N, C-alpha and C. Protein backbone atom coordinates (compact mmCIF):
# COMPACT_ATOMS: atom_id res chain seq x y z
N MET A 1 32.57 35.06 28.18
CA MET A 1 32.43 35.00 26.73
C MET A 1 33.40 36.00 26.11
N THR A 2 34.04 35.61 25.04
CA THR A 2 34.98 36.46 24.33
C THR A 2 34.27 37.07 23.13
N PHE A 3 34.62 38.34 22.86
CA PHE A 3 33.98 39.05 21.76
C PHE A 3 35.00 39.49 20.72
N ARG A 4 34.55 39.58 19.50
CA ARG A 4 35.38 40.09 18.41
C ARG A 4 35.37 41.61 18.46
N ARG A 5 36.21 42.23 17.65
CA ARG A 5 36.29 43.69 17.59
C ARG A 5 34.95 44.31 17.18
N ASP A 6 34.19 43.59 16.34
CA ASP A 6 32.90 44.14 15.89
C ASP A 6 31.78 43.94 16.91
N GLY A 7 32.11 43.34 18.06
CA GLY A 7 31.12 43.14 19.11
C GLY A 7 30.41 41.81 19.09
N SER A 8 30.59 41.03 18.03
CA SER A 8 29.93 39.72 17.95
C SER A 8 30.70 38.71 18.80
N PRO A 9 29.97 37.77 19.40
CA PRO A 9 30.66 36.79 20.26
C PRO A 9 31.47 35.80 19.42
N MET A 10 32.61 35.40 19.96
CA MET A 10 33.42 34.36 19.32
C MET A 10 32.84 33.02 19.74
N VAL A 11 32.75 32.14 18.79
CA VAL A 11 32.21 30.82 19.08
C VAL A 11 33.38 29.84 19.17
N LYS A 12 33.46 29.18 20.31
CA LYS A 12 34.53 28.20 20.52
C LYS A 12 34.06 26.84 19.97
N PRO A 13 35.02 25.98 19.60
CA PRO A 13 34.62 24.67 19.07
C PRO A 13 33.65 23.92 19.98
N GLU A 14 33.86 23.97 21.29
CA GLU A 14 32.97 23.24 22.20
C GLU A 14 31.56 23.84 22.28
N ASP A 15 31.39 25.07 21.79
CA ASP A 15 30.06 25.67 21.75
C ASP A 15 29.21 25.14 20.59
N LEU A 16 29.88 24.55 19.61
CA LEU A 16 29.17 24.10 18.41
C LEU A 16 28.41 22.79 18.62
N ALA A 17 28.95 21.89 19.45
CA ALA A 17 28.30 20.58 19.65
C ALA A 17 26.87 20.73 20.17
N PRO A 18 26.62 21.55 21.20
CA PRO A 18 25.22 21.68 21.64
C PRO A 18 24.31 22.30 20.57
N LEU A 19 24.86 23.22 19.77
CA LEU A 19 24.06 23.81 18.70
C LEU A 19 23.70 22.77 17.64
N MET A 20 24.69 21.94 17.28
CA MET A 20 24.42 20.87 16.30
C MET A 20 23.42 19.87 16.86
N ALA A 21 23.56 19.54 18.14
CA ALA A 21 22.63 18.59 18.76
C ALA A 21 21.21 19.17 18.79
N GLU A 22 21.10 20.43 19.12
CA GLU A 22 19.78 21.08 19.15
C GLU A 22 19.16 21.11 17.76
N PHE A 23 19.97 21.45 16.75
CA PHE A 23 19.47 21.44 15.38
C PHE A 23 19.04 20.03 14.98
N GLY A 24 19.86 19.04 15.29
CA GLY A 24 19.55 17.65 14.93
C GLY A 24 18.23 17.19 15.51
N LYS A 25 17.99 17.53 16.78
CA LYS A 25 16.72 17.15 17.41
C LYS A 25 15.54 17.85 16.76
N ALA A 26 15.68 19.15 16.53
CA ALA A 26 14.59 19.91 15.90
C ALA A 26 14.32 19.42 14.49
N TYR A 27 15.39 19.14 13.75
CA TYR A 27 15.26 18.64 12.38
C TYR A 27 14.54 17.29 12.38
N THR A 28 14.96 16.41 13.27
CA THR A 28 14.35 15.09 13.36
C THR A 28 12.87 15.19 13.71
N ARG A 29 12.53 16.05 14.68
CA ARG A 29 11.12 16.23 15.06
C ARG A 29 10.30 16.72 13.87
N LYS A 30 10.85 17.66 13.11
CA LYS A 30 10.14 18.21 11.95
C LYS A 30 9.91 17.12 10.90
N ILE A 31 10.93 16.34 10.60
CA ILE A 31 10.81 15.29 9.59
C ILE A 31 9.81 14.23 10.06
N TYR A 32 9.89 13.84 11.34
CA TYR A 32 8.94 12.86 11.88
C TYR A 32 7.50 13.38 11.78
N ALA A 33 7.31 14.65 12.08
CA ALA A 33 5.96 15.24 12.02
C ALA A 33 5.43 15.20 10.59
N GLU A 34 6.27 15.54 9.62
CA GLU A 34 5.83 15.53 8.22
C GLU A 34 5.57 14.11 7.74
N MET A 35 6.42 13.17 8.15
CA MET A 35 6.19 11.77 7.77
C MET A 35 4.88 11.27 8.37
N SER A 36 4.62 11.67 9.60
CA SER A 36 3.38 11.26 10.27
C SER A 36 2.16 11.77 9.50
N ARG A 37 2.25 13.00 9.02
CA ARG A 37 1.14 13.55 8.22
C ARG A 37 0.93 12.75 6.94
N ALA A 38 2.03 12.18 6.42
CA ALA A 38 1.94 11.37 5.20
C ALA A 38 1.54 9.93 5.52
N GLY A 39 1.38 9.61 6.80
CA GLY A 39 0.90 8.29 7.19
C GLY A 39 1.98 7.26 7.44
N THR A 40 3.22 7.71 7.71
CA THR A 40 4.29 6.75 7.94
C THR A 40 5.34 7.35 8.88
N THR A 41 6.45 6.65 9.02
CA THR A 41 7.59 7.12 9.80
C THR A 41 8.81 7.11 8.89
N PRO A 42 9.88 7.79 9.26
CA PRO A 42 11.08 7.74 8.42
C PRO A 42 11.60 6.32 8.20
N ALA A 43 11.57 5.47 9.22
CA ALA A 43 12.06 4.09 9.06
C ALA A 43 11.21 3.31 8.06
N ARG A 44 9.90 3.45 8.18
CA ARG A 44 9.00 2.77 7.25
C ARG A 44 9.16 3.33 5.84
N ALA A 45 9.31 4.64 5.74
CA ALA A 45 9.49 5.27 4.43
C ALA A 45 10.78 4.79 3.77
N ARG A 46 11.85 4.65 4.55
CA ARG A 46 13.12 4.15 4.01
C ARG A 46 12.95 2.74 3.46
N LEU A 47 12.24 1.89 4.18
CA LEU A 47 12.03 0.52 3.72
C LEU A 47 11.21 0.52 2.43
N LEU A 48 10.14 1.30 2.40
CA LEU A 48 9.31 1.38 1.19
C LEU A 48 10.12 1.92 0.01
N LEU A 49 10.91 2.96 0.25
CA LEU A 49 11.72 3.54 -0.81
C LEU A 49 12.77 2.54 -1.31
N THR A 50 13.34 1.78 -0.41
CA THR A 50 14.30 0.75 -0.80
C THR A 50 13.65 -0.26 -1.72
N LEU A 51 12.44 -0.70 -1.38
CA LEU A 51 11.73 -1.64 -2.25
C LEU A 51 11.37 -1.00 -3.59
N GLN A 52 11.03 0.27 -3.57
CA GLN A 52 10.71 0.94 -4.83
C GLN A 52 11.95 0.99 -5.72
N CYS A 53 13.10 1.28 -5.13
CA CYS A 53 14.34 1.40 -5.91
C CYS A 53 14.93 0.05 -6.31
N GLN A 54 14.88 -0.92 -5.40
CA GLN A 54 15.53 -2.21 -5.63
C GLN A 54 14.61 -3.26 -6.25
N GLY A 55 13.31 -3.06 -6.13
CA GLY A 55 12.37 -4.09 -6.55
C GLY A 55 12.24 -5.11 -5.43
N SER A 56 11.66 -6.27 -5.74
CA SER A 56 11.49 -7.32 -4.72
C SER A 56 12.84 -7.66 -4.10
N CYS A 57 12.82 -7.85 -2.77
CA CYS A 57 14.07 -8.12 -2.03
C CYS A 57 13.86 -9.23 -1.02
N LYS A 58 14.96 -9.90 -0.72
CA LYS A 58 14.97 -10.83 0.41
C LYS A 58 15.08 -10.01 1.69
N MET A 59 14.59 -10.55 2.79
CA MET A 59 14.66 -9.85 4.08
C MET A 59 16.11 -9.52 4.43
N ALA A 60 17.02 -10.46 4.21
CA ALA A 60 18.43 -10.23 4.54
C ALA A 60 19.00 -9.07 3.73
N ASP A 61 18.58 -8.98 2.46
CA ASP A 61 19.06 -7.87 1.63
C ASP A 61 18.52 -6.54 2.14
N LEU A 62 17.25 -6.52 2.54
CA LEU A 62 16.69 -5.29 3.11
C LEU A 62 17.45 -4.87 4.35
N SER A 63 17.78 -5.83 5.19
CA SER A 63 18.55 -5.54 6.40
C SER A 63 19.88 -4.88 6.04
N GLY A 64 20.54 -5.40 5.02
CA GLY A 64 21.81 -4.81 4.59
C GLY A 64 21.65 -3.44 3.98
N TYR A 65 20.65 -3.27 3.12
CA TYR A 65 20.42 -1.96 2.49
C TYR A 65 20.12 -0.88 3.53
N LEU A 66 19.37 -1.26 4.56
CA LEU A 66 18.94 -0.30 5.58
C LEU A 66 19.92 -0.18 6.74
N SER A 67 20.90 -1.08 6.79
CA SER A 67 21.88 -1.12 7.90
C SER A 67 21.19 -1.26 9.25
N VAL A 68 20.23 -2.18 9.30
CA VAL A 68 19.52 -2.48 10.55
C VAL A 68 19.51 -3.99 10.74
N THR A 69 19.16 -4.42 11.93
CA THR A 69 19.14 -5.85 12.21
C THR A 69 18.00 -6.54 11.47
N PRO A 70 18.17 -7.83 11.18
CA PRO A 70 17.07 -8.58 10.55
C PRO A 70 15.79 -8.52 11.38
N ARG A 71 15.92 -8.51 12.69
CA ARG A 71 14.74 -8.43 13.56
C ARG A 71 13.97 -7.12 13.33
N SER A 72 14.71 -6.02 13.17
CA SER A 72 14.07 -4.73 12.90
C SER A 72 13.32 -4.75 11.58
N VAL A 73 13.94 -5.37 10.57
CA VAL A 73 13.29 -5.47 9.26
C VAL A 73 12.02 -6.30 9.37
N THR A 74 12.10 -7.41 10.09
CA THR A 74 10.93 -8.28 10.25
C THR A 74 9.79 -7.51 10.90
N LYS A 75 10.10 -6.72 11.93
CA LYS A 75 9.07 -5.94 12.61
C LYS A 75 8.44 -4.92 11.66
N LEU A 76 9.27 -4.23 10.89
CA LEU A 76 8.75 -3.26 9.92
C LEU A 76 7.91 -3.95 8.85
N VAL A 77 8.42 -5.04 8.32
CA VAL A 77 7.71 -5.77 7.26
C VAL A 77 6.37 -6.29 7.78
N ASP A 78 6.36 -6.83 8.99
CA ASP A 78 5.10 -7.32 9.56
C ASP A 78 4.05 -6.22 9.61
N GLY A 79 4.45 -5.05 10.09
CA GLY A 79 3.51 -3.93 10.19
C GLY A 79 3.04 -3.45 8.84
N LEU A 80 3.98 -3.29 7.91
CA LEU A 80 3.63 -2.80 6.57
C LEU A 80 2.79 -3.82 5.80
N GLU A 81 3.07 -5.10 6.01
CA GLU A 81 2.27 -6.14 5.37
C GLU A 81 0.85 -6.12 5.93
N GLY A 82 0.74 -5.93 7.23
CA GLY A 82 -0.58 -5.87 7.86
C GLY A 82 -1.43 -4.73 7.34
N GLU A 83 -0.78 -3.66 6.89
CA GLU A 83 -1.49 -2.51 6.33
C GLU A 83 -1.69 -2.62 4.83
N GLY A 84 -1.23 -3.71 4.25
CA GLY A 84 -1.40 -3.92 2.81
C GLY A 84 -0.44 -3.12 1.95
N LEU A 85 0.69 -2.65 2.54
CA LEU A 85 1.63 -1.84 1.77
C LEU A 85 2.72 -2.67 1.10
N LEU A 86 2.87 -3.91 1.54
CA LEU A 86 3.79 -4.83 0.89
C LEU A 86 3.31 -6.25 1.10
N VAL A 87 3.87 -7.16 0.34
CA VAL A 87 3.50 -8.58 0.45
C VAL A 87 4.75 -9.43 0.48
N ARG A 88 4.60 -10.59 1.12
CA ARG A 88 5.65 -11.61 1.09
C ARG A 88 5.27 -12.60 -0.01
N GLU A 89 6.26 -12.96 -0.81
CA GLU A 89 6.03 -13.91 -1.90
C GLU A 89 7.16 -14.92 -1.91
N PRO A 90 6.88 -16.14 -2.39
CA PRO A 90 7.96 -17.12 -2.49
C PRO A 90 8.96 -16.71 -3.58
N HIS A 91 10.22 -17.02 -3.34
CA HIS A 91 11.27 -16.79 -4.33
C HIS A 91 10.96 -17.69 -5.54
N PRO A 92 11.15 -17.19 -6.76
CA PRO A 92 10.79 -18.00 -7.93
C PRO A 92 11.62 -19.28 -8.11
N HIS A 93 12.84 -19.32 -7.52
CA HIS A 93 13.70 -20.48 -7.74
C HIS A 93 14.14 -21.19 -6.47
N ASP A 94 13.89 -20.58 -5.31
CA ASP A 94 14.34 -21.17 -4.05
C ASP A 94 13.22 -21.02 -3.03
N ARG A 95 12.52 -22.09 -2.77
CA ARG A 95 11.33 -22.03 -1.91
C ARG A 95 11.67 -21.71 -0.45
N ARG A 96 12.96 -21.75 -0.09
CA ARG A 96 13.35 -21.40 1.28
C ARG A 96 13.37 -19.89 1.49
N ILE A 97 13.40 -19.15 0.42
CA ILE A 97 13.54 -17.69 0.49
C ILE A 97 12.19 -17.01 0.27
N THR A 98 11.94 -16.02 1.09
CA THR A 98 10.73 -15.20 0.94
C THR A 98 11.15 -13.84 0.40
N MET A 99 10.47 -13.38 -0.61
CA MET A 99 10.72 -12.08 -1.21
C MET A 99 9.68 -11.08 -0.70
N ILE A 100 10.10 -9.82 -0.57
CA ILE A 100 9.22 -8.74 -0.12
C ILE A 100 9.02 -7.81 -1.31
N ARG A 101 7.73 -7.48 -1.59
CA ARG A 101 7.40 -6.64 -2.74
C ARG A 101 6.39 -5.58 -2.33
N LEU A 102 6.54 -4.38 -2.89
CA LEU A 102 5.57 -3.30 -2.67
C LEU A 102 4.25 -3.64 -3.34
N THR A 103 3.17 -3.23 -2.71
CA THR A 103 1.85 -3.28 -3.35
C THR A 103 1.61 -1.91 -3.98
N PRO A 104 0.58 -1.77 -4.81
CA PRO A 104 0.26 -0.44 -5.34
C PRO A 104 0.01 0.58 -4.22
N GLU A 105 -0.63 0.15 -3.13
CA GLU A 105 -0.87 1.05 -1.99
C GLU A 105 0.46 1.45 -1.36
N GLY A 106 1.40 0.51 -1.27
CA GLY A 106 2.72 0.79 -0.72
C GLY A 106 3.47 1.79 -1.57
N LEU A 107 3.35 1.66 -2.87
CA LEU A 107 4.00 2.60 -3.78
C LEU A 107 3.43 4.00 -3.59
N LEU A 108 2.13 4.10 -3.41
CA LEU A 108 1.49 5.40 -3.18
C LEU A 108 1.99 6.03 -1.89
N VAL A 109 2.04 5.26 -0.80
CA VAL A 109 2.54 5.79 0.49
C VAL A 109 4.01 6.19 0.36
N CYS A 110 4.77 5.41 -0.39
CA CYS A 110 6.17 5.73 -0.63
C CYS A 110 6.31 7.08 -1.32
N LYS A 111 5.52 7.30 -2.35
CA LYS A 111 5.57 8.57 -3.07
C LYS A 111 5.11 9.73 -2.19
N GLU A 112 4.04 9.54 -1.42
CA GLU A 112 3.55 10.59 -0.52
C GLU A 112 4.59 10.92 0.55
N SER A 113 5.27 9.91 1.05
CA SER A 113 6.31 10.11 2.05
C SER A 113 7.47 10.92 1.48
N ALA A 114 7.88 10.57 0.26
CA ALA A 114 8.97 11.29 -0.39
C ALA A 114 8.60 12.75 -0.61
N LEU A 115 7.37 12.99 -1.03
CA LEU A 115 6.91 14.37 -1.23
C LEU A 115 6.87 15.14 0.09
N ALA A 116 6.40 14.49 1.16
CA ALA A 116 6.34 15.13 2.47
C ALA A 116 7.74 15.46 2.97
N ASN A 117 8.67 14.52 2.80
CA ASN A 117 10.04 14.75 3.23
C ASN A 117 10.66 15.91 2.44
N HIS A 118 10.44 15.90 1.13
CA HIS A 118 10.98 16.95 0.27
C HIS A 118 10.44 18.32 0.69
N ALA A 119 9.16 18.40 0.96
CA ALA A 119 8.54 19.67 1.37
C ALA A 119 9.10 20.14 2.72
N ALA A 120 9.27 19.21 3.65
CA ALA A 120 9.80 19.58 4.98
C ALA A 120 11.23 20.08 4.87
N VAL A 121 12.05 19.40 4.10
CA VAL A 121 13.44 19.80 3.93
C VAL A 121 13.51 21.17 3.25
N ASN A 122 12.72 21.36 2.20
CA ASN A 122 12.71 22.65 1.52
C ASN A 122 12.29 23.77 2.47
N ALA A 123 11.27 23.54 3.28
CA ALA A 123 10.80 24.57 4.20
C ALA A 123 11.90 24.96 5.19
N ILE A 124 12.68 23.99 5.63
CA ILE A 124 13.75 24.28 6.57
C ILE A 124 14.84 25.12 5.91
N TYR A 125 15.33 24.68 4.77
CA TYR A 125 16.48 25.33 4.16
C TYR A 125 16.13 26.56 3.33
N GLU A 126 14.86 26.72 2.95
CA GLU A 126 14.47 27.94 2.24
C GLU A 126 14.52 29.16 3.13
N SER A 127 14.56 28.94 4.45
CA SER A 127 14.66 30.08 5.36
C SER A 127 16.05 30.71 5.32
N LEU A 128 17.01 30.02 4.71
CA LEU A 128 18.36 30.55 4.54
C LEU A 128 18.47 31.24 3.18
N SER A 129 19.30 32.26 3.13
CA SER A 129 19.57 32.89 1.83
C SER A 129 20.40 31.93 0.99
N ALA A 130 20.47 32.19 -0.29
CA ALA A 130 21.28 31.35 -1.17
C ALA A 130 22.74 31.34 -0.70
N ALA A 131 23.24 32.48 -0.29
CA ALA A 131 24.63 32.56 0.19
C ALA A 131 24.81 31.73 1.46
N ASP A 132 23.84 31.81 2.38
CA ASP A 132 23.92 31.02 3.61
C ASP A 132 23.88 29.52 3.31
N ARG A 133 23.05 29.12 2.35
CA ARG A 133 23.00 27.70 1.98
C ARG A 133 24.34 27.24 1.40
N GLN A 134 24.98 28.10 0.60
CA GLN A 134 26.29 27.76 0.06
C GLN A 134 27.32 27.62 1.18
N HIS A 135 27.30 28.55 2.13
CA HIS A 135 28.23 28.48 3.27
C HIS A 135 27.98 27.22 4.09
N LEU A 136 26.72 26.94 4.35
CA LEU A 136 26.38 25.75 5.13
C LEU A 136 26.86 24.49 4.40
N ALA A 137 26.62 24.40 3.11
CA ALA A 137 27.06 23.23 2.34
C ALA A 137 28.58 23.09 2.40
N ARG A 138 29.28 24.19 2.26
CA ARG A 138 30.74 24.15 2.32
C ARG A 138 31.22 23.68 3.70
N ILE A 139 30.64 24.21 4.74
CA ILE A 139 31.03 23.86 6.10
C ILE A 139 30.72 22.39 6.39
N LEU A 140 29.53 21.94 6.01
CA LEU A 140 29.16 20.54 6.26
C LEU A 140 30.07 19.57 5.50
N LYS A 141 30.41 19.91 4.26
CA LYS A 141 31.34 19.07 3.49
C LYS A 141 32.70 19.02 4.18
N LYS A 142 33.16 20.17 4.65
CA LYS A 142 34.46 20.23 5.32
C LYS A 142 34.45 19.40 6.61
N LEU A 143 33.38 19.50 7.39
CA LEU A 143 33.28 18.71 8.61
C LEU A 143 33.19 17.21 8.30
N THR A 144 32.43 16.86 7.28
CA THR A 144 32.32 15.45 6.89
C THR A 144 33.67 14.90 6.46
N GLU A 145 34.41 15.67 5.67
CA GLU A 145 35.75 15.24 5.26
C GLU A 145 36.67 15.06 6.46
N ALA A 146 36.59 15.99 7.42
CA ALA A 146 37.43 15.90 8.63
C ALA A 146 37.11 14.64 9.41
N ILE A 147 35.84 14.30 9.51
CA ILE A 147 35.44 13.08 10.22
C ILE A 147 35.96 11.86 9.48
N HIS A 148 35.80 11.83 8.17
CA HIS A 148 36.28 10.68 7.38
C HIS A 148 37.81 10.55 7.51
N GLU A 149 38.51 11.67 7.45
CA GLU A 149 39.98 11.63 7.58
C GLU A 149 40.39 11.14 8.96
N SER A 150 39.69 11.58 10.00
CA SER A 150 40.06 11.14 11.35
C SER A 150 39.73 9.65 11.54
N ASN A 151 38.69 9.16 10.87
CA ASN A 151 38.37 7.72 10.93
C ASN A 151 39.45 6.89 10.26
N VAL A 152 39.95 7.36 9.12
CA VAL A 152 41.00 6.64 8.40
C VAL A 152 42.29 6.66 9.22
N ASP A 153 42.63 7.82 9.78
CA ASP A 153 43.85 7.93 10.58
C ASP A 153 43.75 7.14 11.87
N GLY A 154 42.55 7.08 12.45
CA GLY A 154 42.36 6.43 13.74
C GLY A 154 42.20 4.94 13.66
N GLU A 155 42.05 4.38 12.48
CA GLU A 155 41.82 2.93 12.35
C GLU A 155 43.12 2.17 12.30
């Protein structure tokens, strides 16, 4: 390990990937735990939130909004419909199309999920000082830009 003049260890680029992976796993576990307490999962919460924001949707549209396969959407919709959180309804002008709509219970779970997610995220990042949060935001933006630039150059 190489050290700086002040005695702190120098971090090499290859040392960062395991740290990011470890953070990602811990972050995901925390969010899943909070979503579970709210009675849902992140995937289910995303679908409910999409319906809240978009209104009634076709299954194919939900698949596109969520960037998941139609089969995944069908599985989620089946489960959520079985719990009374959403309903399937005929399209008003095309009987071949089925629309998916939130129920009042679904809206409530959606709101509870959003609050749980917000609380979990705040608890994680409130442990950082305001200056650390600013540094983290700057670094993450810079890394995101670098990834986007490398994708454009590599295509």
